[in-house]
Amino acid sequence: MKKEFVYFQNYELLAKCSGAEISTVLCCLKYIDWNTNEIVFNNLRRKEIAECGNLKLNTVYSSIQRLIKKNIFVKNKGKLLLNPTLFFFGDDPSRMKMFELKLQYHIS
């Protein structure tokens, strides 16, 4: 049986986020691809996240941008990911692969 888990590190970083940013992250969790941490932000998805977090659509847009600046969401090869060094869903080998990609992204 494949063992999957939720990996969460550095809760202090999340604790420093605004309520809207935390709501955005938590509402995004159900849309995260479980072995890549990728999330697709299109208009419908942003609207669903806004409804989930009881937020205005503009608040979701600005929260995503602030979360990128705080390195909670990261851009990698044109995709937006929940930072795999902070959060990860899936098995350990998949997480390590994402962690290696993250390191290569920062070193390049």
PDB file of N, CA and C in Angstrom:
ATOM      1  N   MET A   1       0.842  -1.179   0.000  1.00  0.00           N
ATOM      2  CA  MET A   1       0.000   0.000   0.000  1.00  0.00           C
ATOM      3  C   MET A   1       0.890   1.245   0.000  1.00  0.00           C
ATOM      4  N   LYS A   2       0.545   2.196  -0.867  1.00  0.00           N
ATOM      5  CA  LYS A   2       1.298   3.428  -0.987  1.00  0.00           C
ATOM      6  C   LYS A   2       0.994   4.323   0.208  1.00  0.00           C
ATOM      7  N   LYS A   3       2.036   4.792   0.855  1.00  0.00           N
ATOM      8  CA  LYS A   3       1.875   5.637   2.024  1.00  0.00           C
ATOM      9  C   LYS A   3       1.953   7.103   1.596  1.00  0.00           C
ATOM     10  N   GLU A   4       0.912   7.855   1.866  1.00  0.00           N
ATOM     11  CA  GLU A   4       0.896   9.278   1.550  1.00  0.00           C
ATOM     12  C   GLU A   4       0.713  10.049   2.842  1.00  0.00           C
ATOM     13  N   PHE A   5       1.230  11.288   2.853  1.00  0.00           N
ATOM     14  CA  PHE A   5       1.151  12.089   4.049  1.00  0.00           C
ATOM     15  C   PHE A   5       1.092  13.565   3.687  1.00  0.00           C
ATOM     16  N   VAL A   6       0.772  14.357   4.676  1.00  0.00           N
ATOM     17  CA  VAL A   6       0.839  15.800   4.545  1.00  0.00           C
ATOM     18  C   VAL A   6       2.080  16.243   5.298  1.00  0.00           C
ATOM     19  N   TYR A   7       2.936  16.964   4.620  1.00  0.00           N
ATOM     20  CA  TYR A   7       4.174  17.460   5.193  1.00  0.00           C
ATOM     21  C   TYR A   7       3.997  18.953   5.422  1.00  0.00           C
ATOM     22  N   PHE A   8       4.266  19.441   6.606  1.00  0.00           N
ATOM     23  CA  PHE A   8       4.121  20.857   6.916  1.00  0.00           C
ATOM     24  C   PHE A   8       5.287  21.280   7.783  1.00  0.00           C
ATOM     25  N   GLN A   9       5.982  22.298   7.337  1.00  0.00           N
ATOM     26  CA  GLN A   9       7.154  22.774   8.067  1.00  0.00           C
ATOM     27  C   GLN A   9       7.077  24.290   8.158  1.00  0.00           C
ATOM     28  N   ASN A  10       7.628  24.855   9.189  1.00  0.00           N
ATOM     29  CA  ASN A  10       7.731  26.299   9.371  1.00  0.00           C
ATOM     30  C   ASN A  10       6.367  26.957   9.498  1.00  0.00           C
ATOM     31  N   TYR A  11       5.599  26.522  10.474  1.00  0.00           N
ATOM     32  CA  TYR A  11       4.294  27.103  10.739  1.00  0.00           C
ATOM     33  C   TYR A  11       4.404  28.579  11.104  1.00  0.00           C
ATOM     34  N   GLU A  12       5.590  29.010  11.568  1.00  0.00           N
ATOM     35  CA  GLU A  12       5.776  30.411  11.929  1.00  0.00           C
ATOM     36  C   GLU A  12       5.601  31.322  10.722  1.00  0.00           C
ATOM     37  N   LEU A  13       6.016  30.859   9.544  1.00  0.00           N
ATOM     38  CA  LEU A  13       5.848  31.646   8.333  1.00  0.00           C
ATOM     39  C   LEU A  13       4.362  31.858   8.043  1.00  0.00           C
ATOM     40  N   LEU A  14       3.584  30.824   8.181  1.00  0.00           N
ATOM     41  CA  LEU A  14       2.142  30.936   7.965  1.00  0.00           C
ATOM     42  C   LEU A  14       1.495  31.796   9.059  1.00  0.00           C
ATOM     43  N   ALA A  15       2.010  31.708  10.273  1.00  0.00           N
ATOM     44  CA  ALA A  15       1.460  32.495  11.379  1.00  0.00           C
ATOM     45  C   ALA A  15       1.653  33.987  11.153  1.00  0.00           C
ATOM     46  N   LYS A  16       2.630  34.367  10.346  1.00  0.00           N
ATOM     47  CA  LYS A  16       2.894  35.780  10.049  1.00  0.00           C
ATOM     48  C   LYS A  16       2.046  36.301   8.896  1.00  0.00           C
ATOM     49  N   CYS A  17       1.223  35.450   8.315  1.00  0.00           N
ATOM     50  CA  CYS A  17       0.372  35.853   7.198  1.00  0.00           C
ATOM     51  C   CYS A  17      -0.914  36.487   7.709  1.00  0.00           C
ATOM     52  N   SER A  18      -1.515  37.296   6.852  1.00  0.00           N
ATOM     53  CA  SER A  18      -2.810  37.892   7.193  1.00  0.00           C
ATOM     54  C   SER A  18      -3.880  36.802   7.176  1.00  0.00           C
ATOM     55  N   GLY A  19      -5.022  37.108   7.718  1.00  0.00           N
ATOM     56  CA  GLY A  19      -6.137  36.163   7.705  1.00  0.00           C
ATOM     57  C   GLY A  19      -6.555  35.797   6.293  1.00  0.00           C
ATOM     58  N   ALA A  20      -6.545  36.789   5.399  1.00  0.00           N
ATOM     59  CA  ALA A  20      -6.909  36.523   3.997  1.00  0.00           C
ATOM     60  C   ALA A  20      -5.898  35.594   3.333  1.00  0.00           C
ATOM     61  N   GLU A  21      -4.614  35.785   3.638  1.00  0.00           N
ATOM     62  CA  GLU A  21      -3.578  34.920   3.060  1.00  0.00           C
ATOM     63  C   GLU A  21      -3.718  33.491   3.575  1.00  0.00           C
ATOM     64  N   ILE A  22      -3.967  33.341   4.861  1.00  0.00           N
ATOM     65  CA  ILE A  22      -4.143  32.001   5.436  1.00  0.00           C
ATOM     66  C   ILE A  22      -5.378  31.331   4.826  1.00  0.00           C
ATOM     67  N   SER A  23      -6.466  32.080   4.705  1.00  0.00           N
ATOM     68  CA  SER A  23      -7.672  31.529   4.090  1.00  0.00           C
ATOM     69  C   SER A  23      -7.407  31.107   2.659  1.00  0.00           C
ATOM     70  N   THR A  24      -6.648  31.917   1.928  1.00  0.00           N
ATOM     71  CA  THR A  24      -6.320  31.584   0.545  1.00  0.00           C
ATOM     72  C   THR A  24      -5.544  30.277   0.479  1.00  0.00           C
ATOM     73  N   VAL A  25      -4.532  30.132   1.335  1.00  0.00           N
ATOM     74  CA  VAL A  25      -3.736  28.890   1.348  1.00  0.00           C
ATOM     75  C   VAL A  25      -4.627  27.704   1.695  1.00  0.00           C
ATOM     76  N   LEU A  26      -5.397  27.820   2.754  1.00  0.00           N
ATOM     77  CA  LEU A  26      -6.231  26.695   3.194  1.00  0.00           C
ATOM     78  C   LEU A  26      -7.272  26.324   2.141  1.00  0.00           C
ATOM     79  N   CYS A  27      -7.861  27.316   1.494  1.00  0.00           N
ATOM     80  CA  CYS A  27      -8.864  27.020   0.465  1.00  0.00           C
ATOM     81  C   CYS A  27      -8.224  26.459  -0.795  1.00  0.00           C
ATOM     82  N   CYS A  28      -6.955  26.722  -1.012  1.00  0.00           N
ATOM     83  CA  CYS A  28      -6.245  26.164  -2.174  1.00  0.00           C
ATOM     84  C   CYS A  28      -5.914  24.686  -1.990  1.00  0.00           C
ATOM     85  N   LEU A  29      -5.859  24.227  -0.763  1.00  0.00           N
ATOM     86  CA  LEU A  29      -5.399  22.862  -0.508  1.00  0.00           C
ATOM     87  C   LEU A  29      -6.221  21.810  -1.241  1.00  0.00           C
ATOM     88  N   LYS A  30      -7.512  22.031  -1.396  1.00  0.00           N
ATOM     89  CA  LYS A  30      -8.316  21.011  -2.074  1.00  0.00           C
ATOM     90  C   LYS A  30      -8.097  20.997  -3.578  1.00  0.00           C
ATOM     91  N   TYR A  31      -7.390  21.991  -4.103  1.00  0.00           N
ATOM     92  CA  TYR A  31      -7.128  22.057  -5.540  1.00  0.00           C
ATOM     93  C   TYR A  31      -5.678  21.721  -5.906  1.00  0.00           C
ATOM     94  N   ILE A  32      -4.863  21.446  -4.930  1.00  0.00           N
ATOM     95  CA  ILE A  32      -3.450  21.148  -5.166  1.00  0.00           C
ATOM     96  C   ILE A  32      -3.318  19.754  -5.773  1.00  0.00           C
ATOM     97  N   ASP A  33      -2.478  19.624  -6.795  1.00  0.00           N
ATOM     98  CA  ASP A  33      -2.149  18.298  -7.330  1.00  0.00           C
ATOM     99  C   ASP A  33      -1.284  17.613  -6.269  1.00  0.00           C
ATOM    100  N   TRP A  34      -1.705  16.438  -5.842  1.00  0.00           N
ATOM    101  CA  TRP A  34      -1.107  15.782  -4.683  1.00  0.00           C
ATOM    102  C   TRP A  34       0.331  15.329  -4.849  1.00  0.00           C
ATOM    103  N   ASN A  35       0.853  15.216  -6.028  1.00  0.00           N
ATOM    104  CA  ASN A  35       2.253  14.791  -6.142  1.00  0.00           C
ATOM    105  C   ASN A  35       3.131  15.801  -6.866  1.00  0.00           C
ATOM    106  N   THR A  36       2.593  16.979  -7.167  1.00  0.00           N
ATOM    107  CA  THR A  36       3.422  18.027  -7.768  1.00  0.00           C
ATOM    108  C   THR A  36       3.310  19.357  -7.030  1.00  0.00           C
ATOM    109  N   ASN A  37       2.321  19.484  -6.151  1.00  0.00           N
ATOM    110  CA  ASN A  37       2.021  20.721  -5.434  1.00  0.00           C
ATOM    111  C   ASN A  37       1.579  21.849  -6.357  1.00  0.00           C
ATOM    112  N   GLU A  38       1.272  21.518  -7.603  1.00  0.00           N
ATOM    113  CA  GLU A  38       0.846  22.524  -8.568  1.00  0.00           C
ATOM    114  C   GLU A  38      -0.613  22.893  -8.355  1.00  0.00           C
ATOM    115  N   ILE A  39      -0.884  24.168  -8.523  1.00  0.00           N
ATOM    116  CA  ILE A  39      -2.259  24.635  -8.499  1.00  0.00           C
ATOM    117  C   ILE A  39      -2.483  25.502  -9.726  1.00  0.00           C
ATOM    118  N   VAL A  40      -3.589  25.279 -10.371  1.00  0.00           N
ATOM    119  CA  VAL A  40      -3.958  26.058 -11.543  1.00  0.00           C
ATOM    120  C   VAL A  40      -4.891  27.167 -11.070  1.00  0.00           C
ATOM    121  N   PHE A  41      -4.462  28.406 -11.265  1.00  0.00           N
ATOM    122  CA  PHE A  41      -5.296  29.552 -10.914  1.00  0.00           C
ATOM    123  C   PHE A  41      -5.913  30.112 -12.185  1.00  0.00           C
ATOM    124  N   ASN A  42      -7.160  29.769 -12.418  1.00  0.00           N
ATOM    125  CA  ASN A  42      -7.917  30.390 -13.498  1.00  0.00           C
ATOM    126  C   ASN A  42      -9.056  31.173 -12.846  1.00  0.00           C
ATOM    127  N   ASN A  43      -9.863  31.838 -13.661  1.00  0.00           N
ATOM    128  CA  ASN A  43     -10.932  32.672 -13.102  1.00  0.00           C
ATOM    129  C   ASN A  43     -11.906  31.879 -12.241  1.00  0.00           C
ATOM    130  N   LEU A  44     -12.293  30.689 -12.704  1.00  0.00           N
ATOM    131  CA  LEU A  44     -13.222  29.862 -11.934  1.00  0.00           C
ATOM    132  C   LEU A  44     -12.595  29.436 -10.607  1.00  0.00           C
ATOM    133  N   ARG A  45     -11.339  29.032 -10.642  1.00  0.00           N
ATOM    134  CA  ARG A  45     -10.666  28.580  -9.417  1.00  0.00           C
ATOM    135  C   ARG A  45     -10.546  29.724  -8.416  1.00  0.00           C
ATOM    136  N   ARG A  46     -10.187  30.909  -8.870  1.00  0.00           N
ATOM    137  CA  ARG A  46     -10.093  32.052  -7.963  1.00  0.00           C
ATOM    138  C   ARG A  46     -11.457  32.356  -7.332  1.00  0.00           C
ATOM    139  N   LYS A  47     -12.510  32.236  -8.127  1.00  0.00           N
ATOM    140  CA  LYS A  47     -13.862  32.469  -7.606  1.00  0.00           C
ATOM    141  C   LYS A  47     -14.213  31.429  -6.545  1.00  0.00           C
ATOM    142  N   GLU A  48     -13.876  30.164  -6.784  1.00  0.00           N
ATOM    143  CA  GLU A  48     -14.132  29.096  -5.805  1.00  0.00           C
ATOM    144  C   GLU A  48     -13.350  29.337  -4.517  1.00  0.00           C
ATOM    145  N   ILE A  49     -12.108  29.789  -4.650  1.00  0.00           N
ATOM    146  CA  ILE A  49     -11.279  30.078  -3.473  1.00  0.00           C
ATOM    147  C   ILE A  49     -11.871  31.252  -2.701  1.00  0.00           C
ATOM    148  N   ALA A  50     -12.338  32.268  -3.420  1.00  0.00           N
ATOM    149  CA  ALA A  50     -12.967  33.421  -2.767  1.00  0.00           C
ATOM    150  C   ALA A  50     -14.219  32.992  -1.990  1.00  0.00           C
ATOM    151  N   GLU A  51     -15.035  32.150  -2.607  1.00  0.00           N
ATOM    152  CA  GLU A  51     -16.242  31.671  -1.932  1.00  0.00           C
ATOM    153  C   GLU A  51     -15.889  30.814  -0.721  1.00  0.00           C
ATOM    154  N   CYS A  52     -14.909  29.949  -0.872  1.00  0.00           N
ATOM    155  CA  CYS A  52     -14.484  29.074   0.229  1.00  0.00           C
ATOM    156  C   CYS A  52     -14.019  29.885   1.432  1.00  0.00           C
ATOM    157  N   GLY A  53     -13.223  30.915   1.165  1.00  0.00           N
ATOM    158  CA  GLY A  53     -12.658  31.714   2.255  1.00  0.00           C
ATOM    159  C   GLY A  53     -13.475  32.922   2.635  1.00  0.00           C
ATOM    160  N   ASN A  54     -14.673  33.053   2.019  1.00  0.00           N
ATOM    161  CA  ASN A  54     -15.521  34.219   2.265  1.00  0.00           C
ATOM    162  C   ASN A  54     -14.734  35.507   2.014  1.00  0.00           C
ATOM    163  N   LEU A  55     -14.031  35.532   0.872  1.00  0.00           N
ATOM    164  CA  LEU A  55     -13.179  36.655   0.497  1.00  0.00           C
ATOM    165  C   LEU A  55     -13.693  37.290  -0.786  1.00  0.00           C
ATOM    166  N   LYS A  56     -13.308  38.528  -1.010  1.00  0.00           N
ATOM    167  CA  LYS A  56     -13.589  39.171  -2.287  1.00  0.00           C
ATOM    168  C   LYS A  56     -12.584  38.663  -3.305  1.00  0.00           C
ATOM    169  N   LEU A  57     -12.973  38.658  -4.556  1.00  0.00           N
ATOM    170  CA  LEU A  57     -12.101  38.167  -5.613  1.00  0.00           C
ATOM    171  C   LEU A  57     -10.796  38.967  -5.677  1.00  0.00           C
ATOM    172  N   ASN A  58     -10.870  40.275  -5.524  1.00  0.00           N
ATOM    173  CA  ASN A  58      -9.657  41.101  -5.528  1.00  0.00           C
ATOM    174  C   ASN A  58      -8.730  40.748  -4.371  1.00  0.00           C
ATOM    175  N   THR A  59      -9.317  40.356  -3.242  1.00  0.00           N
ATOM    176  CA  THR A  59      -8.511  39.947  -2.083  1.00  0.00           C
ATOM    177  C   THR A  59      -7.754  38.670  -2.389  1.00  0.00           C
ATOM    178  N   VAL A  60      -8.385  37.745  -3.102  1.00  0.00           N
ATOM    179  CA  VAL A  60      -7.705  36.500  -3.487  1.00  0.00           C
ATOM    180  C   VAL A  60      -6.531  36.821  -4.416  1.00  0.00           C
ATOM    181  N   TYR A  61      -6.756  37.685  -5.400  1.00  0.00           N
ATOM    182  CA  TYR A  61      -5.675  38.080  -6.319  1.00  0.00           C
ATOM    183  C   TYR A  61      -4.491  38.662  -5.540  1.00  0.00           C
ATOM    184  N   SER A  62      -4.774  39.612  -4.659  1.00  0.00           N
ATOM    185  CA  SER A  62      -3.680  40.255  -3.927  1.00  0.00           C
ATOM    186  C   SER A  62      -3.021  39.296  -2.929  1.00  0.00           C
ATOM    187  N   SER A  63      -3.822  38.410  -2.324  1.00  0.00           N
ATOM    188  CA  SER A  63      -3.248  37.426  -1.395  1.00  0.00           C
ATOM    189  C   SER A  63      -2.277  36.498  -2.112  1.00  0.00           C
ATOM    190  N   ILE A  64      -2.637  36.063  -3.310  1.00  0.00           N
ATOM    191  CA  ILE A  64      -1.748  35.182  -4.078  1.00  0.00           C
ATOM    192  C   ILE A  64      -0.430  35.894  -4.353  1.00  0.00           C
ATOM    193  N   GLN A  65      -0.482  37.154  -4.736  1.00  0.00           N
ATOM    194  CA  GLN A  65       0.744  37.898  -5.019  1.00  0.00           C
ATOM    195  C   GLN A  65       1.612  38.051  -3.761  1.00  0.00           C
ATOM    196  N   ARG A  66       0.980  38.333  -2.629  1.00  0.00           N
ATOM    197  CA  ARG A  66       1.739  38.453  -1.377  1.00  0.00           C
ATOM    198  C   ARG A  66       2.320  37.102  -0.955  1.00  0.00           C
ATOM    199  N   LEU A  67       1.573  36.024  -1.185  1.00  0.00           N
ATOM    200  CA  LEU A  67       2.070  34.686  -0.842  1.00  0.00           C
ATOM    201  C   LEU A  67       3.253  34.295  -1.720  1.00  0.00           C
ATOM    202  N   ILE A  68       3.279  34.771  -2.947  1.00  0.00           N
ATOM    203  CA  ILE A  68       4.448  34.545  -3.813  1.00  0.00           C
ATOM    204  C   ILE A  68       5.646  35.299  -3.242  1.00  0.00           C
ATOM    205  N   LYS A  69       5.442  36.549  -2.849  1.00  0.00           N
ATOM    206  CA  LYS A  69       6.540  37.343  -2.265  1.00  0.00           C
ATOM    207  C   LYS A  69       7.055  36.730  -0.973  1.00  0.00           C
ATOM    208  N   LYS A  70       6.175  36.065  -0.217  1.00  0.00           N
ATOM    209  CA  LYS A  70       6.573  35.419   1.038  1.00  0.00           C
ATOM    210  C   LYS A  70       7.127  34.020   0.816  1.00  0.00           C
ATOM    211  N   ASN A  71       7.185  33.583  -0.437  1.00  0.00           N
ATOM    212  CA  ASN A  71       7.738  32.273  -0.809  1.00  0.00           C
ATOM    213  C   ASN A  71       6.875  31.104  -0.325  1.00  0.00           C
ATOM    214  N   ILE A  72       5.594  31.351  -0.114  1.00  0.00           N
ATOM    215  CA  ILE A  72       4.680  30.273   0.229  1.00  0.00           C
ATOM    216  C   ILE A  72       4.162  29.627  -1.053  1.00  0.00           C
ATOM    217  N   PHE A  73       3.866  30.450  -2.051  1.00  0.00           N
ATOM    218  CA  PHE A  73       3.657  29.967  -3.405  1.00  0.00           C
ATOM    219  C   PHE A  73       4.929  30.282  -4.180  1.00  0.00           C
ATOM    220  N   VAL A  74       5.366  29.363  -5.019  1.00  0.00           N
ATOM    221  CA  VAL A  74       6.557  29.593  -5.834  1.00  0.00           C
ATOM    222  C   VAL A  74       6.230  29.352  -7.299  1.00  0.00           C
ATOM    223  N   LYS A  75       6.898  30.110  -8.144  1.00  0.00           N
ATOM    224  CA  LYS A  75       6.757  29.914  -9.582  1.00  0.00           C
ATOM    225  C   LYS A  75       7.892  29.012 -10.034  1.00  0.00           C
ATOM    226  N   ASN A  76       7.555  28.009 -10.833  1.00  0.00           N
ATOM    227  CA  ASN A  76       8.564  27.081 -11.345  1.00  0.00           C
ATOM    228  C   ASN A  76       8.143  26.664 -12.744  1.00  0.00           C
ATOM    229  N   LYS A  77       8.939  27.046 -13.723  1.00  0.00           N
ATOM    230  CA  LYS A  77       8.684  26.680 -15.118  1.00  0.00           C
ATOM    231  C   LYS A  77       7.285  27.085 -15.557  1.00  0.00           C
ATOM    232  N   GLY A  78       6.882  28.301 -15.220  1.00  0.00           N
ATOM    233  CA  GLY A  78       5.587  28.814 -15.634  1.00  0.00           C
ATOM    234  C   GLY A  78       4.407  28.294 -14.843  1.00  0.00           C
ATOM    235  N   LYS A  79       4.659  27.519 -13.815  1.00  0.00           N
ATOM    236  CA  LYS A  79       3.580  26.966 -12.992  1.00  0.00           C
ATOM    237  C   LYS A  79       3.671  27.553 -11.588  1.00  0.00           C
ATOM    238  N   LEU A  80       2.547  27.581 -10.915  1.00  0.00           N
ATOM    239  CA  LEU A  80       2.512  28.050  -9.541  1.00  0.00           C
ATOM    240  C   LEU A  80       2.344  26.850  -8.626  1.00  0.00           C
ATOM    241  N   LEU A  81       3.235  26.754  -7.641  1.00  0.00           N
ATOM    242  CA  LEU A  81       3.238  25.622  -6.714  1.00  0.00           C
ATOM    243  C   LEU A  81       3.126  26.114  -5.287  1.00  0.00           C
ATOM    244  N   LEU A  82       2.492  25.334  -4.452  1.00  0.00           N
ATOM    245  CA  LEU A  82       2.594  25.554  -3.025  1.00  0.00           C
ATOM    246  C   LEU A  82       3.993  25.081  -2.667  1.00  0.00           C
ATOM    247  N   ASN A  83       4.773  25.922  -2.028  1.00  0.00           N
ATOM    248  CA  ASN A  83       6.186  25.643  -1.775  1.00  0.00           C
ATOM    249  C   ASN A  83       6.378  24.252  -1.158  1.00  0.00           C
ATOM    250  N   PRO A  84       7.020  23.338  -1.888  1.00  0.00           N
ATOM    251  CA  PRO A  84       7.155  21.963  -1.395  1.00  0.00           C
ATOM    252  C   PRO A  84       8.097  21.826  -0.204  1.00  0.00           C
ATOM    253  N   THR A  85       8.864  22.874   0.110  1.00  0.00           N
ATOM    254  CA  THR A  85       9.682  22.806   1.320  1.00  0.00           C
ATOM    255  C   THR A  85       8.874  23.204   2.551  1.00  0.00           C
ATOM    256  N   LEU A  86       7.672  23.732   2.339  1.00  0.00           N
ATOM    257  CA  LEU A  86       6.794  24.099   3.453  1.00  0.00           C
ATOM    258  C   LEU A  86       5.622  23.147   3.606  1.00  0.00           C
ATOM    259  N   PHE A  87       4.977  22.806   2.474  1.00  0.00           N
ATOM    260  CA  PHE A  87       3.802  21.941   2.458  1.00  0.00           C
ATOM    261  C   PHE A  87       4.010  20.898   1.372  1.00  0.00           C
ATOM    262  N   PHE A  88       3.558  19.695   1.637  1.00  0.00           N
ATOM    263  CA  PHE A  88       3.553  18.715   0.559  1.00  0.00           C
ATOM    264  C   PHE A  88       2.544  17.631   0.865  1.00  0.00           C
ATOM    265  N   PHE A  89       1.852  17.187  -0.177  1.00  0.00           N
ATOM    266  CA  PHE A  89       0.888  16.102  -0.078  1.00  0.00           C
ATOM    267  C   PHE A  89       1.365  14.995  -0.990  1.00  0.00           C
ATOM    268  N   GLY A  90       1.461  13.814  -0.492  1.00  0.00           N
ATOM    269  CA  GLY A  90       1.868  12.707  -1.345  1.00  0.00           C
ATOM    270  C   GLY A  90       2.877  11.822  -0.643  1.00  0.00           C
ATOM    271  N   ASP A  91       3.613  11.079  -1.448  1.00  0.00           N
ATOM    272  CA  ASP A  91       4.591  10.171  -0.859  1.00  0.00           C
ATOM    273  C   ASP A  91       5.954  10.850  -0.765  1.00  0.00           C
ATOM    274  N   ASP A  92       6.826  10.293   0.060  1.00  0.00           N
ATOM    275  CA  ASP A  92       8.120  10.898   0.322  1.00  0.00           C
ATOM    276  C   ASP A  92       8.999  11.004  -0.930  1.00  0.00           C
ATOM    277  N   PRO A  93       9.080   9.971  -1.791  1.00  0.00           N
ATOM    278  CA  PRO A  93       9.907  10.129  -2.997  1.00  0.00           C
ATOM    279  C   PRO A  93       9.430  11.284  -3.893  1.00  0.00           C
ATOM    280  N   SER A  94       8.138  11.475  -3.994  1.00  0.00           N
ATOM    281  CA  SER A  94       7.618  12.585  -4.794  1.00  0.00           C
ATOM    282  C   SER A  94       7.981  13.924  -4.158  1.00  0.00           C
ATOM    283  N   ARG A  95       7.908  13.995  -2.836  1.00  0.00           N
ATOM    284  CA  ARG A  95       8.272  15.233  -2.139  1.00  0.00           C
ATOM    285  C   ARG A  95       9.738  15.550  -2.343  1.00  0.00           C
ATOM    286  N   MET A  96      10.590  14.542  -2.252  1.00  0.00           N
ATOM    287  CA  MET A  96      12.025  14.772  -2.436  1.00  0.00           C
ATOM    288  C   MET A  96      12.317  15.241  -3.853  1.00  0.00           C
ATOM    289  N   LYS A  97      11.615  14.698  -4.829  1.00  0.00           N
ATOM    290  CA  LYS A  97      11.799  15.138  -6.209  1.00  0.00           C
ATOM    291  C   LYS A  97      11.421  16.613  -6.338  1.00  0.00           C
ATOM    292  N   MET A  98      10.307  17.010  -5.738  1.00  0.00           N
ATOM    293  CA  MET A  98       9.898  18.407  -5.781  1.00  0.00           C
ATOM    294  C   MET A  98      10.893  19.284  -5.032  1.00  0.00           C
ATOM    295  N   PHE A  99      11.425  18.795  -3.919  1.00  0.00           N
ATOM    296  CA  PHE A  99      12.404  19.560  -3.151  1.00  0.00           C
ATOM    297  C   PHE A  99      13.649  19.783  -3.999  1.00  0.00           C
ATOM    298  N   GLU A 100      14.083  18.776  -4.745  1.00  0.00           N
ATOM    299  CA  GLU A 100      15.237  18.926  -5.630  1.00  0.00           C
ATOM    300  C   GLU A 100      14.954  19.956  -6.714  1.00  0.00           C
ATOM    301  N   LEU A 101      13.760  19.957  -7.281  1.00  0.00           N
ATOM    302  CA  LEU A 101      13.390  20.960  -8.281  1.00  0.00           C
ATOM    303  C   LEU A 101      13.431  22.352  -7.678  1.00  0.00           C
ATOM    304  N   LYS A 102      12.964  22.484  -6.451  1.00  0.00           N
ATOM    305  CA  LYS A 102      12.960  23.765  -5.779  1.00  0.00           C
ATOM    306  C   LYS A 102      14.380  24.264  -5.589  1.00  0.00           C
ATOM    307  N   LEU A 103      15.280  23.380  -5.185  1.00  0.00           N
ATOM    308  CA  LEU A 103      16.675  23.768  -4.999  1.00  0.00           C
ATOM    309  C   LEU A 103      17.300  24.186  -6.331  1.00  0.00           C
ATOM    310  N   GLN A 104      17.041  23.441  -7.387  1.00  0.00           N
ATOM    311  CA  GLN A 104      17.583  23.783  -8.708  1.00  0.00           C
ATOM    312  C   GLN A 104      17.039  25.129  -9.150  1.00  0.00           C
ATOM    313  N   TYR A 105      15.802  25.396  -8.858  1.00  0.00           N
ATOM    314  CA  TYR A 105      15.159  26.651  -9.258  1.00  0.00           C
ATOM    315  C   TYR A 105      15.859  27.830  -8.590  1.00  0.00           C
ATOM    316  N   HIS A 106      16.178  27.707  -7.281  1.00  0.00           N
ATOM    317  CA  HIS A 106      16.817  28.791  -6.556  1.00  0.00           C
ATOM    318  C   HIS A 106      18.296  28.937  -6.918  1.00  0.00           C
ATOM    319  N   ILE A 107      18.965  27.853  -7.233  1.00  0.00           N
ATOM    320  CA  ILE A 107      20.384  27.897  -7.556  1.00  0.00           C
ATOM    321  C   ILE A 107      20.613  28.480  -8.949  1.00  0.00           C
ATOM    322  N   SER A 108      19.734  28.161  -9.880  1.00  0.00           N
ATOM    323  CA  SER A 108      19.894  28.632 -11.271  1.00  0.00           C
ATOM    324  C   SER A 108      19.912  30.123 -11.388  1.00  0.00           C
TER     325      SER A 108
END
